[in-house]
Amino acid sequence: MFTLTRPTPAAVPAAPLTKATLKADTPTWCPGCGDFAVLAAFQRVLEKLQIPQQNLVTLAGIGCSSRLPYFVNTHGGHFIHGRALPFAAGVSLGRDDLHVVVFGGDGDGFSIGGNHLDHTARKNIKITYVIMDNSVYGLTKKQTSPTSPVGFKSKSDPTGALDPALNPMRRLLGTGATFVARAYVGQLQHMTDMIERAMKHDGFSVVEVHTHCSNFYEDAFDCFNARKGGHVDLIDETKHDVTDINAAFKLASLETPGVFGVFYEVKDQPSKNAREAELMARVQAKFPTTDGRTLLQAAFDRMK
C-alpha cells in the first residue's frame, strides 16, 4: 500500500517537568540582562504545560538572545544568522508531535531574517517565535539595530542613527501571523501568560518581548519601567476584538510606550501542518493498493 506517513517516535516515559529537570547550562548573559526574565518565563510555561521533554525543540539564530537553547534542557540547536525560522519550519512540518519554539533578537528577526519571518508567518506553520527586542546589537558590542530610535549613537552610527526605527507590531501584523502579542520583561507574569498563549496556538504565533541590554542600552525601555517613572498599559480584551486586524493595526500605531498584550489572534485558519496532512490523505486515497516505490518509479519514467 502507498503511504505518506510521518515518522512515529518510540514512546518515552514522561517524567514531571520541574525547574531542576529543565535546567541545562548556566546562563552566560551579562548581569542585569533582561533575557534572564525571558528564560524564567519560558521555564514557568513548560512547567505548567508539562509537554514531555522529548517533544520540545528550542531553536535560535545568532545573537545574545539566541543563546537561550543552551540553557533549557530540551532538544535544540542553532542555525545560520537570521535563518532559524526555515530550519524550524522543516522540524515542525516533519514532526507533528513536536512543539517548536524559536528565540531570536530584533536583528535576527527584523533585519537579516526578515524575509524568512514573512514567509514562515504567511504559511501559518505551527511554530512559536519569541523575538527578544533590545533595540541594539549587543553581541557585536553596540551597533544600531532595526528598532534603534533616531539619534541613537552606536559604533555603526557614531553621530546618531538617521533612519527611523521599524515598528515591530505593524510589521508582525502584516506578515499574516495568526497570533501576535507584545510583552515586557518588567512584567514577568504577563510575559509568561503571553508565551503560554502563543505556545497553545495552533499556527504561527509570535511574541515580541522588550528586553533591555544592561551593557549597551540599559535605558532603552525606561518608559515602561515603573521605578523610573514609566508605565505599562495592558490591552483590555473585553474592549479590543483580537480577531479584528484593523483594530490591531490601530493599537500597533499608538505612540510609545503603546500597549502590551494580544494584538491579534485568529483560530479558524488551518496551519500548514494541517493542510499538508490533508493533502497526504487525499493522495493516499487515490492509490489505496499501489506501492510507493512503483509510484516513484513511474514519476521518474515520465521525466525521461
C-alpha atoms as a PDB file:
ATOM      1  CA  MET A   1       0.000   0.000   0.000  1.00  0.00           C
ATOM      2  CA  PHE A   2       1.123   3.525  -0.823  1.00  0.00           C
ATOM      3  CA  THR A   3       1.578   5.558   2.367  1.00  0.00           C
ATOM      4  CA  LEU A   4       2.842   9.034   3.116  1.00  0.00           C
ATOM      5  CA  THR A   5       3.090   8.934   6.877  1.00  0.00           C
ATOM      6  CA  ARG A   6       5.283  10.995   9.127  1.00  0.00           C
ATOM      7  CA  PRO A   7       7.636   9.167  11.481  1.00  0.00           C
ATOM      8  CA  THR A   8       6.222   7.986  14.791  1.00  0.00           C
ATOM      9  CA  PRO A   9       8.862   8.201  17.530  1.00  0.00           C
ATOM     10  CA  ALA A  10       9.254   5.500  20.123  1.00  0.00           C
ATOM     11  CA  ALA A  11       7.301   6.074  23.304  1.00  0.00           C
ATOM     12  CA  VAL A  12       9.362   7.569  26.124  1.00  0.00           C
ATOM     13  CA  PRO A  13       8.108   7.526  29.720  1.00  0.00           C
ATOM     14  CA  ALA A  14       7.222  11.086  30.675  1.00  0.00           C
ATOM     15  CA  ALA A  15       8.773  12.484  33.853  1.00  0.00           C
ATOM     16  CA  PRO A  16       7.280  15.581  35.503  1.00  0.00           C
ATOM     17  CA  LEU A  17       8.936  18.762  34.324  1.00  0.00           C
ATOM     18  CA  THR A  18      10.394  20.911  37.066  1.00  0.00           C
ATOM     19  CA  LYS A  19      12.799  23.826  37.166  1.00  0.00           C
ATOM     20  CA  ALA A  20      15.542  21.344  38.057  1.00  0.00           C
ATOM     21  CA  THR A  21      14.851  18.990  35.142  1.00  0.00           C
ATOM     22  CA  LEU A  22      14.580  21.921  32.715  1.00  0.00           C
ATOM     23  CA  LYS A  23      17.922  23.392  33.726  1.00  0.00           C
ATOM     24  CA  ALA A  24      20.827  22.905  31.325  1.00  0.00           C
ATOM     25  CA  ASP A  25      23.943  25.079  31.107  1.00  0.00           C
ATOM     26  CA  THR A  26      24.302  28.110  33.367  1.00  0.00           C
ATOM     27  CA  PRO A  27      23.176  31.277  31.526  1.00  0.00           C
ATOM     28  CA  THR A  28      26.081  33.412  30.335  1.00  0.00           C
ATOM     29  CA  TRP A  29      24.277  36.692  29.708  1.00  0.00           C
ATOM     30  CA  CYS A  30      25.676  39.850  31.246  1.00  0.00           C
ATOM     31  CA  PRO A  31      24.494  40.632  34.806  1.00  0.00           C
ATOM     32  CA  GLY A  32      21.231  42.564  34.653  1.00  0.00           C
ATOM     33  CA  CYS A  33      20.296  41.422  31.140  1.00  0.00           C
ATOM     34  CA  GLY A  34      16.547  41.223  30.546  1.00  0.00           C
ATOM     35  CA  ASP A  35      16.953  37.883  28.778  1.00  0.00           C
ATOM     36  CA  PHE A  36      17.145  36.132  32.162  1.00  0.00           C
ATOM     37  CA  ALA A  37      13.487  37.033  32.700  1.00  0.00           C
ATOM     38  CA  VAL A  38      12.504  35.565  29.307  1.00  0.00           C
ATOM     39  CA  LEU A  39      14.207  32.290  30.225  1.00  0.00           C
ATOM     40  CA  ALA A  40      12.412  32.273  33.594  1.00  0.00           C
ATOM     41  CA  ALA A  41       9.061  32.885  31.891  1.00  0.00           C
ATOM     42  CA  PHE A  42       9.670  30.098  29.362  1.00  0.00           C
ATOM     43  CA  GLN A  43      10.573  27.656  32.136  1.00  0.00           C
ATOM     44  CA  ARG A  44       7.389  28.591  34.005  1.00  0.00           C
ATOM     45  CA  VAL A  45       5.326  27.874  30.900  1.00  0.00           C
ATOM     46  CA  LEU A  46       6.983  24.497  30.357  1.00  0.00           C
ATOM     47  CA  GLU A  47       6.402  23.548  33.992  1.00  0.00           C
ATOM     48  CA  LYS A  48       2.728  24.442  33.645  1.00  0.00           C
ATOM     49  CA  LEU A  49       2.066  22.791  30.273  1.00  0.00           C
ATOM     50  CA  GLN A  50       4.056  19.642  31.121  1.00  0.00           C
ATOM     51  CA  ILE A  51       4.915  18.915  27.496  1.00  0.00           C
ATOM     52  CA  PRO A  52       7.280  15.903  27.550  1.00  0.00           C
ATOM     53  CA  GLN A  53      10.882  16.967  27.060  1.00  0.00           C
ATOM     54  CA  GLN A  54      11.325  14.660  24.075  1.00  0.00           C
ATOM     55  CA  ASN A  55       8.518  16.577  22.343  1.00  0.00           C
ATOM     56  CA  LEU A  56      10.088  20.005  22.864  1.00  0.00           C
ATOM     57  CA  VAL A  57      12.505  21.716  20.476  1.00  0.00           C
ATOM     58  CA  THR A  58      14.066  25.133  21.130  1.00  0.00           C
ATOM     59  CA  LEU A  59      15.903  26.702  18.203  1.00  0.00           C
ATOM     60  CA  ALA A  60      17.645  30.010  17.595  1.00  0.00           C
ATOM     61  CA  GLY A  61      19.745  32.014  15.186  1.00  0.00           C
ATOM     62  CA  ILE A  62      22.700  34.138  16.262  1.00  0.00           C
ATOM     63  CA  GLY A  63      22.825  36.836  18.933  1.00  0.00           C
ATOM     64  CA  CYS A  64      22.710  37.252  22.699  1.00  0.00           C
ATOM     65  CA  SER A  65      19.077  36.141  22.869  1.00  0.00           C
ATOM     66  CA  SER A  66      19.830  33.161  20.648  1.00  0.00           C
ATOM     67  CA  ARG A  67      21.896  31.571  23.385  1.00  0.00           C
ATOM     68  CA  LEU A  68      18.684  30.568  25.148  1.00  0.00           C
ATOM     69  CA  PRO A  69      18.520  26.973  23.764  1.00  0.00           C
ATOM     70  CA  TYR A  70      21.757  26.262  25.647  1.00  0.00           C
ATOM     71  CA  PHE A  71      20.048  26.990  28.941  1.00  0.00           C
ATOM     72  CA  VAL A  72      16.937  24.822  28.706  1.00  0.00           C
ATOM     73  CA  ASN A  73      17.012  21.023  28.764  1.00  0.00           C
ATOM     74  CA  THR A  74      15.123  20.152  25.580  1.00  0.00           C
ATOM     75  CA  HIS A  75      16.081  19.191  22.046  1.00  0.00           C
ATOM     76  CA  GLY A  76      17.573  22.301  20.494  1.00  0.00           C
ATOM     77  CA  GLY A  77      20.059  23.899  18.205  1.00  0.00           C
ATOM     78  CA  HIS A  78      21.393  26.933  16.401  1.00  0.00           C
ATOM     79  CA  PHE A  79      21.217  27.799  12.749  1.00  0.00           C
ATOM     80  CA  ILE A  80      22.708  30.488  10.494  1.00  0.00           C
ATOM     81  CA  HIS A  81      22.104  34.114  11.497  1.00  0.00           C
ATOM     82  CA  GLY A  82      18.532  35.032  10.555  1.00  0.00           C
ATOM     83  CA  ARG A  83      17.727  31.575   9.201  1.00  0.00           C
ATOM     84  CA  ALA A  84      16.326  29.879  12.301  1.00  0.00           C
ATOM     85  CA  LEU A  85      12.741  30.019  11.028  1.00  0.00           C
ATOM     86  CA  PRO A  86      13.182  27.933   7.841  1.00  0.00           C
ATOM     87  CA  PHE A  87      15.133  25.407   9.906  1.00  0.00           C
ATOM     88  CA  ALA A  88      12.297  25.365  12.445  1.00  0.00           C
ATOM     89  CA  ALA A  89       9.733  25.047   9.656  1.00  0.00           C
ATOM     90  CA  GLY A  90      11.365  21.832   8.477  1.00  0.00           C
ATOM     91  CA  VAL A  91      11.341  20.421  12.007  1.00  0.00           C
ATOM     92  CA  SER A  92       7.703  21.353  12.565  1.00  0.00           C
ATOM     93  CA  LEU A  93       6.421  20.064   9.222  1.00  0.00           C
ATOM     94  CA  GLY A  94       8.387  16.842   9.503  1.00  0.00           C
ATOM     95  CA  ARG A  95       7.331  16.040  13.060  1.00  0.00           C
ATOM     96  CA  ASP A  96       3.804  16.988  14.103  1.00  0.00           C
ATOM     97  CA  ASP A  97       4.415  15.574  17.572  1.00  0.00           C
ATOM     98  CA  LEU A  98       6.965  18.284  18.401  1.00  0.00           C
ATOM     99  CA  HIS A  99       6.396  21.702  19.913  1.00  0.00           C
ATOM    100  CA  VAL A 100       8.874  24.015  18.189  1.00  0.00           C
ATOM    101  CA  VAL A 101       9.838  27.298  19.861  1.00  0.00           C
ATOM    102  CA  VAL A 102      12.269  29.729  18.237  1.00  0.00           C
ATOM    103  CA  PHE A 103      14.134  32.515  20.041  1.00  0.00           C
ATOM    104  CA  GLY A 104      15.830  35.458  18.371  1.00  0.00           C
ATOM    105  CA  GLY A 105      16.573  39.153  18.626  1.00  0.00           C
ATOM    106  CA  ASP A 106      15.493  42.256  16.730  1.00  0.00           C
ATOM    107  CA  GLY A 107      18.340  41.878  14.245  1.00  0.00           C
ATOM    108  CA  ASP A 108      17.811  38.158  13.726  1.00  0.00           C
ATOM    109  CA  GLY A 109      14.066  38.634  13.241  1.00  0.00           C
ATOM    110  CA  PHE A 110      13.586  42.027  11.623  1.00  0.00           C
ATOM    111  CA  SER A 111      16.817  42.545   9.673  1.00  0.00           C
ATOM    112  CA  ILE A 112      18.737  39.627   8.192  1.00  0.00           C
ATOM    113  CA  GLY A 113      15.888  37.203   8.941  1.00  0.00           C
ATOM    114  CA  GLY A 114      13.018  39.485   7.951  1.00  0.00           C
ATOM    115  CA  ASN A 115      12.194  37.741   4.689  1.00  0.00           C
ATOM    116  CA  HIS A 116      12.058  34.343   6.388  1.00  0.00           C
ATOM    117  CA  LEU A 117       9.753  35.795   9.036  1.00  0.00           C
ATOM    118  CA  ASP A 118       7.305  36.950   6.355  1.00  0.00           C
ATOM    119  CA  HIS A 119       7.063  33.615   4.596  1.00  0.00           C
ATOM    120  CA  THR A 120       7.033  31.377   7.661  1.00  0.00           C
ATOM    121  CA  ALA A 121       4.246  33.513   9.130  1.00  0.00           C
ATOM    122  CA  ARG A 122       2.083  33.690   5.993  1.00  0.00           C
ATOM    123  CA  LYS A 123       2.231  29.905   5.637  1.00  0.00           C
ATOM    124  CA  ASN A 124       0.976  29.626   9.225  1.00  0.00           C
ATOM    125  CA  ILE A 125       3.423  26.884  10.170  1.00  0.00           C
ATOM    126  CA  LYS A 126       2.948  25.668  13.733  1.00  0.00           C
ATOM    127  CA  ILE A 127       5.861  27.446  15.420  1.00  0.00           C
ATOM    128  CA  THR A 128       6.124  29.843  18.357  1.00  0.00           C
ATOM    129  CA  TYR A 129       8.612  32.664  17.780  1.00  0.00           C
ATOM    130  CA  VAL A 130       9.811  34.810  20.690  1.00  0.00           C
ATOM    131  CA  ILE A 131      11.608  37.941  19.479  1.00  0.00           C
ATOM    132  CA  MET A 132      13.693  39.455  22.270  1.00  0.00           C
ATOM    133  CA  ASP A 133      13.933  43.085  21.177  1.00  0.00           C
ATOM    134  CA  ASN A 134      16.529  45.260  22.948  1.00  0.00           C
ATOM    135  CA  SER A 135      16.890  47.843  20.147  1.00  0.00           C
ATOM    136  CA  VAL A 136      20.632  47.278  19.838  1.00  0.00           C
ATOM    137  CA  TYR A 137      23.122  44.751  18.502  1.00  0.00           C
ATOM    138  CA  GLY A 138      24.607  43.763  21.844  1.00  0.00           C
ATOM    139  CA  LEU A 139      26.664  40.743  20.795  1.00  0.00           C
ATOM    140  CA  THR A 140      28.730  42.949  18.472  1.00  0.00           C
ATOM    141  CA  LYS A 141      29.193  45.484  21.270  1.00  0.00           C
ATOM    142  CA  LYS A 142      26.666  48.198  20.396  1.00  0.00           C
ATOM    143  CA  GLN A 143      25.608  48.686  16.825  1.00  0.00           C
ATOM    144  CA  THR A 144      22.355  50.179  15.534  1.00  0.00           C
ATOM    145  CA  SER A 145      19.539  47.666  15.035  1.00  0.00           C
ATOM    146  CA  PRO A 146      16.292  47.957  13.021  1.00  0.00           C
ATOM    147  CA  THR A 147      14.440  49.066  16.164  1.00  0.00           C
ATOM    148  CA  SER A 148      17.009  51.601  17.435  1.00  0.00           C
ATOM    149  CA  PRO A 149      15.485  55.096  17.607  1.00  0.00           C
ATOM    150  CA  VAL A 150      16.610  58.090  15.558  1.00  0.00           C
ATOM    151  CA  GLY A 151      19.595  59.712  17.251  1.00  0.00           C
ATOM    152  CA  PHE A 152      20.844  56.519  18.899  1.00  0.00           C
ATOM    153  CA  LYS A 153      24.652  56.671  18.993  1.00  0.00           C
ATOM    154  CA  SER A 154      26.488  53.428  18.359  1.00  0.00           C
ATOM    155  CA  LYS A 155      29.632  52.085  16.732  1.00  0.00           C
ATOM    156  CA  SER A 156      27.814  51.925  13.406  1.00  0.00           C
ATOM    157  CA  ASP A 157      26.202  55.379  13.879  1.00  0.00           C
ATOM    158  CA  PRO A 158      28.653  57.404  15.984  1.00  0.00           C
ATOM    159  CA  THR A 159      26.833  60.654  15.250  1.00  0.00           C
ATOM    160  CA  GLY A 160      23.408  59.170  15.893  1.00  0.00           C
ATOM    161  CA  ALA A 161      21.048  56.982  13.857  1.00  0.00           C
ATOM    162  CA  LEU A 162      19.459  58.823  10.932  1.00  0.00           C
ATOM    163  CA  ASP A 163      16.912  56.206   9.884  1.00  0.00           C
ATOM    164  CA  PRO A 164      13.506  55.827  11.548  1.00  0.00           C
ATOM    165  CA  ALA A 165      13.018  52.694  13.627  1.00  0.00           C
ATOM    166  CA  LEU A 166      10.911  49.836  12.348  1.00  0.00           C
ATOM    167  CA  ASN A 167       7.536  49.375  14.083  1.00  0.00           C
ATOM    168  CA  PRO A 168       7.687  45.703  15.146  1.00  0.00           C
ATOM    169  CA  MET A 169       3.987  45.228  15.796  1.00  0.00           C
ATOM    170  CA  ARG A 170       2.871  46.688  12.473  1.00  0.00           C
ATOM    171  CA  ARG A 171       5.459  44.525  10.754  1.00  0.00           C
ATOM    172  CA  LEU A 172       4.310  41.365  12.528  1.00  0.00           C
ATOM    173  CA  LEU A 173       0.643  42.039  11.836  1.00  0.00           C
ATOM    174  CA  GLY A 174       1.478  42.495   8.176  1.00  0.00           C
ATOM    175  CA  THR A 175       3.145  39.094   7.872  1.00  0.00           C
ATOM    176  CA  GLY A 176      -0.055  37.103   8.196  1.00  0.00           C
ATOM    177  CA  ALA A 177       0.831  35.598  11.574  1.00  0.00           C
ATOM    178  CA  THR A 178      -2.297  34.237  13.249  1.00  0.00           C
ATOM    179  CA  PHE A 179      -1.171  35.171  16.784  1.00  0.00           C
ATOM    180  CA  VAL A 180       0.681  38.402  17.565  1.00  0.00           C
ATOM    181  CA  ALA A 181       1.436  39.624  21.093  1.00  0.00           C
ATOM    182  CA  ARG A 182       3.743  42.051  22.882  1.00  0.00           C
ATOM    183  CA  ALA A 183       5.311  41.758  26.337  1.00  0.00           C
ATOM    184  CA  TYR A 184       7.879  43.419  28.595  1.00  0.00           C
ATOM    185  CA  VAL A 185      10.433  41.705  30.844  1.00  0.00           C
ATOM    186  CA  GLY A 186       9.482  44.004  33.730  1.00  0.00           C
ATOM    187  CA  GLN A 187       6.049  42.342  33.791  1.00  0.00           C
ATOM    188  CA  LEU A 188       7.086  38.723  34.353  1.00  0.00           C
ATOM    189  CA  GLN A 189       3.662  37.171  34.919  1.00  0.00           C
ATOM    190  CA  HIS A 190       2.132  38.936  31.932  1.00  0.00           C
ATOM    191  CA  MET A 191       5.053  37.889  29.726  1.00  0.00           C
ATOM    192  CA  THR A 192       4.629  34.314  30.959  1.00  0.00           C
ATOM    193  CA  ASP A 193       0.934  34.427  30.054  1.00  0.00           C
ATOM    194  CA  MET A 194       1.715  35.712  26.552  1.00  0.00           C
ATOM    195  CA  ILE A 195       4.250  32.954  25.874  1.00  0.00           C
ATOM    196  CA  GLU A 196       1.833  30.333  27.200  1.00  0.00           C
ATOM    197  CA  ARG A 197      -0.986  31.541  24.946  1.00  0.00           C
ATOM    198  CA  ALA A 198       1.395  31.602  21.995  1.00  0.00           C
ATOM    199  CA  MET A 199       2.503  28.008  22.611  1.00  0.00           C
ATOM    200  CA  LYS A 200      -1.113  26.847  22.828  1.00  0.00           C
ATOM    201  CA  HIS A 201      -1.954  28.482  19.488  1.00  0.00           C
ATOM    202  CA  ASP A 202      -2.378  26.132  16.526  1.00  0.00           C
ATOM    203  CA  GLY A 203      -0.406  28.011  13.882  1.00  0.00           C
ATOM    204  CA  PHE A 204       2.357  30.597  13.664  1.00  0.00           C
ATOM    205  CA  SER A 205       2.484  32.595  16.899  1.00  0.00           C
ATOM    206  CA  VAL A 206       4.894  35.418  17.691  1.00  0.00           C
ATOM    207  CA  VAL A 207       5.592  37.389  20.851  1.00  0.00           C
ATOM    208  CA  GLU A 208       7.747  40.495  20.718  1.00  0.00           C
ATOM    209  CA  VAL A 209       9.388  40.945  24.119  1.00  0.00           C
ATOM    210  CA  HIS A 210      11.033  44.224  25.095  1.00  0.00           C
ATOM    211  CA  THR A 211      14.174  43.203  26.960  1.00  0.00           C
ATOM    212  CA  HIS A 212      16.893  45.711  27.805  1.00  0.00           C
ATOM    213  CA  CYS A 213      20.617  45.294  27.196  1.00  0.00           C
ATOM    214  CA  SER A 214      22.277  46.084  30.526  1.00  0.00           C
ATOM    215  CA  ASN A 215      25.659  46.922  28.946  1.00  0.00           C
ATOM    216  CA  PHE A 216      24.868  48.804  25.762  1.00  0.00           C
ATOM    217  CA  TYR A 217      21.313  50.173  26.034  1.00  0.00           C
ATOM    218  CA  GLU A 218      20.128  49.870  29.623  1.00  0.00           C
ATOM    219  CA  ASP A 219      17.716  52.819  29.444  1.00  0.00           C
ATOM    220  CA  ALA A 220      16.049  51.679  26.196  1.00  0.00           C
ATOM    221  CA  PHE A 221      12.702  50.978  27.864  1.00  0.00           C
ATOM    222  CA  ASP A 222      12.633  53.380  30.797  1.00  0.00           C
ATOM    223  CA  CYS A 223       9.202  54.496  29.577  1.00  0.00           C
ATOM    224  CA  PHE A 224       7.896  51.069  30.663  1.00  0.00           C
ATOM    225  CA  ASN A 225       9.827  50.927  33.949  1.00  0.00           C
ATOM    226  CA  ALA A 226       7.729  51.952  36.961  1.00  0.00           C
ATOM    227  CA  ARG A 227      10.880  52.520  39.049  1.00  0.00           C
ATOM    228  CA  LYS A 228      11.922  55.184  36.555  1.00  0.00           C
ATOM    229  CA  GLY A 229       8.520  56.810  36.199  1.00  0.00           C
ATOM    230  CA  GLY A 230       7.325  54.678  33.309  1.00  0.00           C
ATOM    231  CA  HIS A 231       4.164  52.619  32.975  1.00  0.00           C
ATOM    232  CA  VAL A 232       2.778  49.598  31.154  1.00  0.00           C
ATOM    233  CA  ASP A 233      -0.745  49.662  29.734  1.00  0.00           C
ATOM    234  CA  LEU A 234      -2.251  46.228  29.128  1.00  0.00           C
ATOM    235  CA  ILE A 235      -4.775  45.512  26.385  1.00  0.00           C
ATOM    236  CA  ASP A 236      -8.317  45.057  27.693  1.00  0.00           C
ATOM    237  CA  GLU A 237      -9.704  42.202  25.600  1.00  0.00           C
ATOM    238  CA  THR A 238     -13.241  42.991  26.735  1.00  0.00           C
ATOM    239  CA  LYS A 239     -12.890  46.161  24.670  1.00  0.00           C
ATOM    240  CA  HIS A 240     -10.407  45.040  21.997  1.00  0.00           C
ATOM    241  CA  ASP A 241     -11.527  42.401  19.480  1.00  0.00           C
ATOM    242  CA  VAL A 242      -8.401  40.307  18.925  1.00  0.00           C
ATOM    243  CA  THR A 243      -9.851  38.946  15.669  1.00  0.00           C
ATOM    244  CA  ASP A 244     -10.079  42.446  14.136  1.00  0.00           C
ATOM    245  CA  ILE A 245      -6.885  43.088  12.152  1.00  0.00           C
ATOM    246  CA  ASN A 246      -7.735  46.766  11.628  1.00  0.00           C
ATOM    247  CA  ALA A 247      -8.176  47.280  15.363  1.00  0.00           C
ATOM    248  CA  ALA A 248      -4.850  45.534  15.898  1.00  0.00           C
ATOM    249  CA  PHE A 249      -3.116  47.897  13.470  1.00  0.00           C
ATOM    250  CA  LYS A 250      -4.580  50.875  15.336  1.00  0.00           C
ATOM    251  CA  LEU A 251      -3.091  49.616  18.590  1.00  0.00           C
ATOM    252  CA  ALA A 252       0.221  48.980  16.847  1.00  0.00           C
ATOM    253  CA  SER A 253       0.275  52.589  15.633  1.00  0.00           C
ATOM    254  CA  LEU A 254      -0.017  54.162  19.102  1.00  0.00           C
ATOM    255  CA  GLU A 255       2.828  56.400  20.190  1.00  0.00           C
ATOM    256  CA  THR A 256       5.446  54.971  22.554  1.00  0.00           C
ATOM    257  CA  PRO A 257       5.024  53.373  25.067  1.00  0.00           C
ATOM    258  CA  GLY A 258       1.922  51.897  23.427  1.00  0.00           C
ATOM    259  CA  VAL A 259       0.161  48.859  24.881  1.00  0.00           C
ATOM    260  CA  PHE A 260       1.016  45.262  25.745  1.00  0.00           C
ATOM    261  CA  GLY A 261      -0.884  42.029  25.309  1.00  0.00           C
ATOM    262  CA  VAL A 262      -2.511  40.098  22.472  1.00  0.00           C
ATOM    263  CA  PHE A 263      -2.985  42.345  19.457  1.00  0.00           C
ATOM    264  CA  TYR A 264      -4.322  39.703  17.091  1.00  0.00           C
ATOM    265  CA  GLU A 265      -5.437  36.090  17.295  1.00  0.00           C
ATOM    266  CA  VAL A 266      -7.471  34.013  14.862  1.00  0.00           C
ATOM    267  CA  LYS A 267      -8.176  30.336  15.376  1.00  0.00           C
ATOM    268  CA  ASP A 268     -10.121  29.422  12.238  1.00  0.00           C
ATOM    269  CA  GLN A 269      -7.180  29.392   9.805  1.00  0.00           C
ATOM    270  CA  PRO A 270      -5.704  25.896   9.403  1.00  0.00           C
ATOM    271  CA  SER A 271      -1.964  25.576   9.887  1.00  0.00           C
ATOM    272  CA  LYS A 272       0.291  24.474   7.054  1.00  0.00           C
ATOM    273  CA  ASN A 273       0.886  21.333   9.081  1.00  0.00           C
ATOM    274  CA  ALA A 274      -2.831  20.515   8.883  1.00  0.00           C
ATOM    275  CA  ARG A 275      -3.063  21.417   5.196  1.00  0.00           C
ATOM    276  CA  GLU A 276      -0.147  19.144   4.325  1.00  0.00           C
ATOM    277  CA  ALA A 277      -1.630  16.290   6.341  1.00  0.00           C
ATOM    278  CA  GLU A 278      -4.882  16.705   4.404  1.00  0.00           C
ATOM    279  CA  LEU A 279      -3.001  16.664   1.101  1.00  0.00           C
ATOM    280  CA  MET A 280      -1.238  13.437   2.071  1.00  0.00           C
ATOM    281  CA  ALA A 281      -4.547  11.821   2.978  1.00  0.00           C
ATOM    282  CA  ARG A 282      -6.093  12.796  -0.379  1.00  0.00           C
ATOM    283  CA  VAL A 283      -3.137  11.382  -2.332  1.00  0.00           C
ATOM    284  CA  GLN A 284      -3.165   8.149  -0.360  1.00  0.00           C
ATOM    285  CA  ALA A 285      -6.889   7.718  -1.046  1.00  0.00           C
ATOM    286  CA  LYS A 286      -6.252   7.832  -4.827  1.00  0.00           C
ATOM    287  CA  PHE A 287      -3.779   4.943  -4.703  1.00  0.00           C
ATOM    288  CA  PRO A 288      -5.012   2.591  -1.990  1.00  0.00           C
ATOM    289  CA  THR A 289      -3.328  -0.526  -3.387  1.00  0.00           C
ATOM    290  CA  THR A 290      -0.270   0.819  -5.218  1.00  0.00           C
ATOM    291  CA  ASP A 291       3.057   0.564  -3.529  1.00  0.00           C
ATOM    292  CA  GLY A 292       5.076   3.776  -3.090  1.00  0.00           C
ATOM    293  CA  ARG A 293       8.160   2.508  -4.941  1.00  0.00           C
ATOM    294  CA  THR A 294       6.108   1.791  -8.059  1.00  0.00           C
ATOM    295  CA  LEU A 295       4.607   5.274  -7.996  1.00  0.00           C
ATOM    296  CA  LEU A 296       8.027   6.852  -7.554  1.00  0.00           C
ATOM    297  CA  GLN A 297       9.461   4.869 -10.469  1.00  0.00           C
ATOM    298  CA  ALA A 298       6.517   5.914 -12.659  1.00  0.00           C
ATOM    299  CA  ALA A 299       7.215   9.561 -11.831  1.00  0.00           C
ATOM    300  CA  PHE A 300      10.893   9.118 -12.824  1.00  0.00           C
ATOM    301  CA  ASP A 301       9.841   7.417 -16.072  1.00  0.00           C
ATOM    302  CA  ARG A 302       7.689  10.429 -17.007  1.00  0.00           C
ATOM    303  CA  MET A 303      10.739  12.676 -16.693  1.00  0.00           C
ATOM    304  CA  LYS A 304      12.752  10.741 -19.296  1.00  0.00           C
END
